[in-house]
Amino acid sequence: MQDSLTWRELLGKIIRDPQEKQLIANESGISPLTLTRWVSGESTPRPQNLRHLLLALPGYRKRFLELMSGEFGQSLAESLNVEEPQEIPAQFYAWVVKLYVNLSPVRRFNTICDVVLQEALRQLDPDYVGLEITVARCMPPSYESSKVRSLCESVGCGTPPWNRGLEQRILFLGSETLAGYAVASGRPVAIQNRQYGEHLFPARWINWEASALAYPIMRADRVAGCLLISCTQPNYFHSSVQRTLIQHYAELLSIAFDADSFYELSTIKLDHMPSPELQHIHMKGFQTRVTQHLIQAAKRNRSLSRPQAELLAWQELEEELLHLAESNH
């Protein structure tokens, strides 16, 4: 194979075996037809797909890079010569543990989530193809219910076209979402292509999203929420190395949650939630709700912290949205 004059000819020899061709397609997330079109010269791959091909063929990596420089130029070939991240740096683990030890419980969740998501974004989207990572946590059951009926997505970050921070996007997620499915089942789940996978699992797609993965955040057999990742590119979550890295980030995020934030899977009974547009209308008065709870507690000489008042307001809002979704069905 060293005599191949172009990377396309080399790829053609490798995929001549139908079984090998299918294995490469499965690992790279690139369809067998697309591989054939690359070999014939009918189409030219995007840089991100070239990276996926190289990761699926580690034994041929050096030879492919040499041959690709002839067609795409040395600068592009050098940019592709980046190994896929395989693990979270040990120094980062140490930093997160230090945050856990030194932060007050009130600050722990948002601070640790923000730090971990920023590091995950750096590793999972080094080429800025467009990735959004969020954490959706189980809403604590109200006094009237012993079941978790929704998730609340409140912290996250992204690369363009998404915003770096998600302060303005707080959403309730229910049984109609991929995150809801992952939490209720206690299993990670991915939709590799929005166009072909819409009916495989429940999903509520957002703008620019072409593929998505949800990984439950658990301790033993109890769940606290979900790590949700969206990408502008289809077939982005194909690599087993990448999925293992995402698993490690979900495991690391578990320390951001208090012990009482984890629930038995039998208590997860998610309901349907209304559209984000309807939710935003109802959320406009959230801070007013919080203030009212604080005032009422003061009048009754009851001790109520602001985080406790916010939780009461969230539970009120959750109840209203659940009724709204039920009336619209």
Protein backbone atom coordinates (compact mmCIF):
# COMPACT_ATOMS: atom_id res chain seq x y z
CA MET A 1 0.00 0.00 0.00
CA GLN A 2 3.05 2.24 0.32
CA ASP A 3 2.94 2.66 -3.48
CA SER A 4 -0.41 4.47 -3.45
CA LEU A 5 -0.07 7.85 -5.09
CA THR A 6 -3.04 9.50 -3.38
CA TRP A 7 -4.91 9.13 -0.10
CA ARG A 8 -8.03 8.25 -2.12
CA GLU A 9 -6.27 5.27 -3.73
CA LEU A 10 -5.02 4.12 -0.34
CA LEU A 11 -8.53 4.34 1.10
CA GLY A 12 -9.88 2.43 -1.90
CA LYS A 13 -7.51 -0.48 -1.24
CA ILE A 14 -8.44 -0.57 2.44
CA ILE A 15 -12.20 -0.61 1.90
CA ARG A 16 -12.04 -3.16 -0.92
CA ASP A 17 -12.99 -5.70 1.73
CA PRO A 18 -16.73 -5.07 2.40
CA GLN A 19 -16.41 -6.13 6.04
CA GLU A 20 -13.52 -3.75 6.64
CA LYS A 21 -15.45 -1.00 4.88
CA GLN A 22 -18.41 -1.45 7.22
CA LEU A 23 -16.17 -1.49 10.29
CA ILE A 24 -14.58 1.80 9.24
CA ALA A 25 -18.02 3.29 8.57
CA ASN A 26 -19.25 2.24 12.02
CA GLU A 27 -16.23 3.64 13.86
CA SER A 28 -15.93 6.89 11.89
CA GLY A 29 -19.64 7.68 11.59
CA ILE A 30 -19.15 8.10 7.82
CA SER A 31 -21.51 6.15 5.57
CA PRO A 32 -20.10 3.44 3.25
CA LEU A 33 -21.51 5.36 0.26
CA THR A 34 -19.62 8.50 1.28
CA LEU A 35 -16.39 6.52 1.61
CA THR A 36 -16.91 5.20 -1.92
CA ARG A 37 -17.54 8.71 -3.26
CA TRP A 38 -14.32 9.93 -1.65
CA VAL A 39 -12.38 7.14 -3.34
CA SER A 40 -13.87 7.94 -6.74
CA GLY A 41 -13.31 11.67 -6.31
CA GLU A 42 -17.02 12.47 -6.57
CA SER A 43 -16.92 14.42 -3.31
CA THR A 44 -14.37 16.12 -1.07
CA PRO A 45 -14.59 15.54 2.70
CA ARG A 46 -14.81 18.30 5.28
CA PRO A 47 -11.81 18.58 7.63
CA GLN A 48 -13.84 17.25 10.55
CA ASN A 49 -14.75 14.10 8.60
CA LEU A 50 -11.12 13.62 7.62
CA ARG A 51 -10.30 13.70 11.33
CA HIS A 52 -12.94 11.01 11.97
CA LEU A 53 -11.43 8.85 9.22
CA LEU A 54 -7.93 9.13 10.69
CA LEU A 55 -9.20 8.20 14.15
CA ALA A 56 -10.84 5.11 12.67
CA LEU A 57 -7.58 4.08 10.96
CA PRO A 58 -4.79 4.67 13.52
CA GLY A 59 -2.42 2.21 11.81
CA TYR A 60 -2.51 4.23 8.56
CA ARG A 61 -2.51 7.67 10.17
CA LYS A 62 1.03 8.71 9.27
CA ARG A 63 0.72 7.52 5.65
CA PHE A 64 -2.65 9.23 5.17
CA LEU A 65 -1.30 12.53 6.50
CA GLU A 66 1.61 12.37 4.05
CA LEU A 67 -0.72 11.71 1.12
CA MET A 68 -3.37 14.24 2.18
CA SER A 69 -0.81 17.03 2.24
CA GLY A 70 -0.52 16.60 -1.54
CA GLU A 71 -4.21 17.33 -2.12
CA PHE A 72 -5.11 19.61 0.78
CA GLY A 73 -1.82 21.30 1.59
CA GLN A 74 0.62 20.86 4.45
CA SER A 75 -1.21 23.22 6.80
CA LEU A 76 -4.45 21.23 6.72
CA ALA A 77 -2.61 17.93 7.09
CA GLU A 78 -0.81 19.29 10.17
CA SER A 79 -4.09 20.51 11.66
CA LEU A 80 -5.49 16.98 11.33
CA ASN A 81 -2.52 15.48 13.18
CA VAL A 82 -4.14 15.83 16.58
CA GLU A 83 -4.78 12.78 18.73
CA GLU A 84 -8.27 12.30 20.09
CA PRO A 85 -8.37 13.18 23.82
CA GLN A 86 -8.55 9.94 25.79
CA GLU A 87 -8.83 11.06 29.40
CA ILE A 88 -9.42 14.00 31.72
CA PRO A 89 -6.08 15.47 32.88
CA ALA A 90 -5.08 14.38 36.40
CA GLN A 91 -4.43 18.02 37.37
CA PHE A 92 -8.01 18.86 36.48
CA TYR A 93 -9.37 16.11 38.72
CA ALA A 94 -7.27 17.54 41.56
CA TRP A 95 -8.60 21.04 40.92
CA VAL A 96 -12.24 19.91 40.99
CA VAL A 97 -11.70 17.98 44.23
CA LYS A 98 -10.13 21.11 45.75
CA LEU A 99 -13.19 23.15 44.73
CA TYR A 100 -15.45 20.54 46.31
CA VAL A 101 -13.56 20.68 49.60
CA ASN A 102 -13.38 24.48 49.81
CA LEU A 103 -16.69 25.70 48.38
CA SER A 104 -19.79 26.22 50.47
CA PRO A 105 -22.75 23.94 49.56
CA VAL A 106 -24.63 26.95 48.17
CA ARG A 107 -21.89 27.69 45.61
CA ARG A 108 -20.75 24.14 44.91
CA PHE A 109 -23.20 23.08 42.19
CA ASN A 110 -22.93 26.08 39.84
CA THR A 111 -19.17 26.54 40.28
CA ILE A 112 -18.17 22.90 39.76
CA CYS A 113 -20.58 22.47 36.84
CA ASP A 114 -19.23 25.58 35.13
CA VAL A 115 -15.60 24.50 35.54
CA VAL A 116 -16.21 20.91 34.41
CA LEU A 117 -18.34 21.90 31.40
CA GLN A 118 -15.75 24.40 30.18
CA GLU A 119 -13.03 21.74 30.32
CA ALA A 120 -15.27 19.18 28.61
CA LEU A 121 -16.05 21.68 25.86
CA ARG A 122 -12.35 22.32 25.31
CA GLN A 123 -11.63 18.61 24.92
CA LEU A 124 -14.71 17.57 22.97
CA ASP A 125 -14.76 20.45 20.47
CA PRO A 126 -11.14 21.42 19.76
CA ASP A 127 -12.03 22.49 16.20
CA TYR A 128 -15.03 24.64 17.16
CA VAL A 129 -17.45 22.71 14.97
CA GLY A 130 -20.29 23.88 17.25
CA LEU A 131 -21.03 22.08 20.51
CA GLU A 132 -23.34 22.86 23.43
CA ILE A 133 -23.03 21.11 26.80
CA THR A 134 -25.61 21.49 29.56
CA VAL A 135 -26.56 19.87 32.86
CA ALA A 136 -30.20 19.09 33.57
CA ARG A 137 -30.92 18.20 37.21
CA CYS A 138 -33.87 16.33 38.68
CA MET A 139 -36.48 18.68 40.13
CA PRO A 140 -37.01 17.74 43.81
CA PRO A 141 -40.53 16.35 44.35
CA SER A 142 -43.02 18.72 45.97
CA TYR A 143 -44.72 17.90 49.25
CA GLU A 144 -47.73 16.58 47.33
CA SER A 145 -45.69 14.15 45.22
CA SER A 146 -42.97 11.60 45.89
CA LYS A 147 -42.01 11.39 42.23
CA VAL A 148 -39.54 13.33 40.11
CA ARG A 149 -41.69 14.75 37.33
CA SER A 150 -39.25 16.94 35.38
CA LEU A 151 -35.65 18.02 34.91
CA CYS A 152 -34.39 21.59 35.05
CA GLU A 153 -31.69 22.66 32.59
CA SER A 154 -29.96 25.68 34.05
CA VAL A 155 -26.18 25.57 33.53
CA GLY A 156 -24.11 25.05 30.40
CA CYS A 157 -21.74 26.45 27.80
CA GLY A 158 -21.12 26.21 24.08
CA THR A 159 -19.10 27.15 21.03
CA PRO A 160 -20.63 29.17 18.17
CA PRO A 161 -23.35 29.22 16.95
CA TRP A 162 -24.37 28.70 20.59
CA ASN A 163 -23.65 31.17 23.37
CA ARG A 164 -20.75 30.57 25.71
CA GLY A 165 -23.04 30.84 28.74
CA LEU A 166 -26.68 29.86 29.17
CA GLU A 167 -27.81 32.29 31.86
CA GLN A 168 -30.82 33.25 29.76
CA ARG A 169 -31.91 29.71 28.90
CA ILE A 170 -33.51 27.93 31.82
CA LEU A 171 -35.83 25.13 30.74
CA PHE A 172 -37.86 22.32 32.19
CA LEU A 173 -37.37 19.03 30.36
CA GLY A 174 -39.77 16.12 30.52
CA SER A 175 -40.54 12.76 28.99
CA GLU A 176 -40.50 14.30 25.51
CA THR A 177 -36.72 14.89 25.60
CA LEU A 178 -33.59 12.81 25.11
CA ALA A 179 -32.36 13.91 28.54
CA GLY A 180 -35.60 12.70 30.08
CA TYR A 181 -35.20 9.30 28.43
CA ALA A 182 -31.61 8.94 29.70
CA VAL A 183 -32.55 9.87 33.27
CA ALA A 184 -35.65 7.66 33.40
CA SER A 185 -33.77 4.64 32.00
CA GLY A 186 -30.48 5.26 33.78
CA ARG A 187 -28.67 4.65 30.48
CA PRO A 188 -26.75 6.89 28.06
CA VAL A 189 -28.43 7.43 24.71
CA ALA A 190 -27.41 9.16 21.47
CA ILE A 191 -29.11 10.21 18.26
CA GLN A 192 -26.37 10.37 15.67
CA ASN A 193 -28.38 12.03 12.95
CA ARG A 194 -31.41 14.25 13.45
CA GLN A 195 -32.65 13.49 9.96
CA TYR A 196 -32.72 9.71 10.42
CA GLY A 197 -33.01 9.23 14.18
CA GLU A 198 -35.97 11.36 15.17
CA HIS A 199 -38.24 8.41 15.83
CA LEU A 200 -35.74 6.18 17.67
CA PHE A 201 -35.93 8.09 20.96
CA PRO A 202 -37.90 11.07 22.25
CA ALA A 203 -36.21 14.36 21.36
CA ARG A 204 -36.99 18.06 21.32
CA TRP A 205 -34.52 19.57 18.89
CA ILE A 206 -33.12 23.08 19.18
CA ASN A 207 -31.74 25.38 16.49
CA TRP A 208 -28.57 24.16 14.73
CA GLU A 209 -28.66 20.77 16.49
CA ALA A 210 -27.87 17.82 14.16
CA SER A 211 -26.84 15.13 16.69
CA ALA A 212 -27.22 14.75 20.45
CA LEU A 213 -26.09 12.59 23.36
CA ALA A 214 -27.45 12.36 26.91
CA TYR A 215 -25.55 10.70 29.75
CA PRO A 216 -27.20 10.19 33.17
CA ILE A 217 -25.35 11.51 36.23
CA MET A 218 -25.51 8.73 38.82
CA ARG A 219 -24.17 7.34 42.08
CA ALA A 220 -24.63 3.57 42.17
CA ASP A 221 -28.24 3.03 41.06
CA ARG A 222 -29.49 6.54 41.93
CA VAL A 223 -29.72 9.41 39.43
CA ALA A 224 -29.43 13.18 39.92
CA GLY A 225 -29.73 14.45 36.37
CA CYS A 226 -28.11 14.31 32.99
CA LEU A 227 -25.18 15.61 30.95
CA LEU A 228 -26.65 16.71 27.61
CA ILE A 229 -24.47 17.43 24.57
CA SER A 230 -25.67 18.83 21.25
CA CYS A 231 -23.63 19.24 18.05
CA THR A 232 -24.12 21.03 14.75
CA GLN A 233 -22.61 18.03 12.93
CA PRO A 234 -24.31 14.66 12.38
CA ASN A 235 -22.54 11.48 13.54
CA TYR A 236 -20.41 13.40 16.04
CA PHE A 237 -20.71 10.87 18.88
CA HIS A 238 -19.50 7.78 17.05
CA SER A 239 -16.12 7.15 18.71
CA SER A 240 -15.90 4.73 21.64
CA VAL A 241 -12.94 6.73 23.03
CA GLN A 242 -15.01 9.90 22.90
CA ARG A 243 -18.00 8.25 24.58
CA THR A 244 -15.75 6.98 27.38
CA LEU A 245 -14.44 10.51 27.88
CA ILE A 246 -18.03 11.82 28.12
CA GLN A 247 -18.79 9.08 30.67
CA HIS A 248 -15.86 10.26 32.80
CA TYR A 249 -17.13 13.84 32.71
CA ALA A 250 -20.60 12.70 33.78
CA GLU A 251 -19.02 10.78 36.66
CA LEU A 252 -16.96 13.80 37.68
CA LEU A 253 -20.05 16.02 37.64
CA SER A 254 -21.67 13.78 40.25
CA ILE A 255 -19.64 15.45 43.00
CA ALA A 256 -21.38 18.77 42.25
CA PHE A 257 -24.62 17.29 43.61
CA ASP A 258 -25.57 16.84 47.26
CA ALA A 259 -26.35 13.29 48.38
CA ASP A 260 -30.08 14.06 48.67
CA SER A 261 -30.17 15.17 45.01
CA PHE A 262 -29.94 11.54 43.85
CA TYR A 263 -33.16 9.54 43.39
CA GLU A 264 -34.04 5.90 42.93
CA LEU A 265 -34.92 5.15 39.31
CA SER A 266 -38.32 3.90 40.51
CA THR A 267 -39.17 7.46 41.61
CA ILE A 268 -38.47 8.98 38.17
CA LYS A 269 -41.91 9.52 36.58
CA LEU A 270 -41.37 12.31 34.10
CA ASP A 271 -44.35 14.04 32.52
CA HIS A 272 -44.62 16.02 29.30
CA MET A 273 -43.49 19.65 29.41
CA PRO A 274 -44.75 22.49 27.18
CA SER A 275 -42.62 24.08 24.46
CA PRO A 276 -39.72 26.39 25.38
CA GLU A 277 -41.67 29.34 23.97
CA LEU A 278 -44.55 28.78 26.40
CA GLN A 279 -42.15 28.18 29.26
CA HIS A 280 -40.40 31.50 28.70
CA ILE A 281 -43.69 33.36 29.04
CA HIS A 282 -44.34 31.81 32.44
CA MET A 283 -40.77 32.30 33.69
CA LYS A 284 -40.79 36.08 33.34
CA GLY A 285 -42.12 36.55 36.86
CA PHE A 286 -39.76 34.10 38.54
CA GLN A 287 -37.89 36.61 40.71
CA THR A 288 -41.19 38.12 41.83
CA ARG A 289 -42.28 34.66 43.00
CA VAL A 290 -39.06 34.28 45.00
CA THR A 291 -39.52 37.69 46.65
CA GLN A 292 -43.11 36.87 47.58
CA HIS A 293 -42.04 33.65 49.32
CA LEU A 294 -39.40 35.55 51.32
CA ILE A 295 -41.91 38.22 52.34
CA GLN A 296 -44.52 35.64 53.37
CA ALA A 297 -41.97 33.75 55.46
CA ALA A 298 -40.90 36.97 57.21
CA LYS A 299 -44.52 37.82 58.04
CA ARG A 300 -44.95 34.39 59.63
CA ASN A 301 -41.61 34.63 61.46
CA ARG A 302 -40.35 31.59 59.55
CA SER A 303 -36.72 31.15 58.58
CA LEU A 304 -36.39 30.86 54.78
CA SER A 305 -33.15 31.23 52.85
CA ARG A 306 -33.08 32.54 49.31
CA PRO A 307 -32.14 29.11 47.85
CA GLN A 308 -35.14 27.61 49.68
CA ALA A 309 -37.40 30.36 48.33
CA GLU A 310 -36.09 29.74 44.81
CA LEU A 311 -36.85 26.03 45.12
CA LEU A 312 -40.43 26.78 46.18
CA ALA A 313 -40.79 29.11 43.20
CA TRP A 314 -39.38 26.45 40.83
CA GLN A 315 -41.81 23.86 42.19
CA GLU A 316 -44.74 26.24 41.74
CA LEU A 317 -43.66 26.95 38.18
CA GLU A 318 -43.17 23.25 37.47
CA GLU A 319 -46.71 22.51 38.66
CA GLU A 320 -48.18 25.22 36.45
CA LEU A 321 -46.26 24.03 33.40
CA LEU A 322 -47.29 20.41 33.96
CA HIS A 323 -50.95 21.46 34.09
CA LEU A 324 -50.46 23.59 30.99
CA ALA A 325 -48.91 20.68 29.06
CA GLU A 326 -51.70 18.36 30.18
CA SER A 327 -54.42 20.78 29.06
CA ASN A 328 -52.81 21.13 25.64
CA HIS A 329 -52.84 17.38 25.02
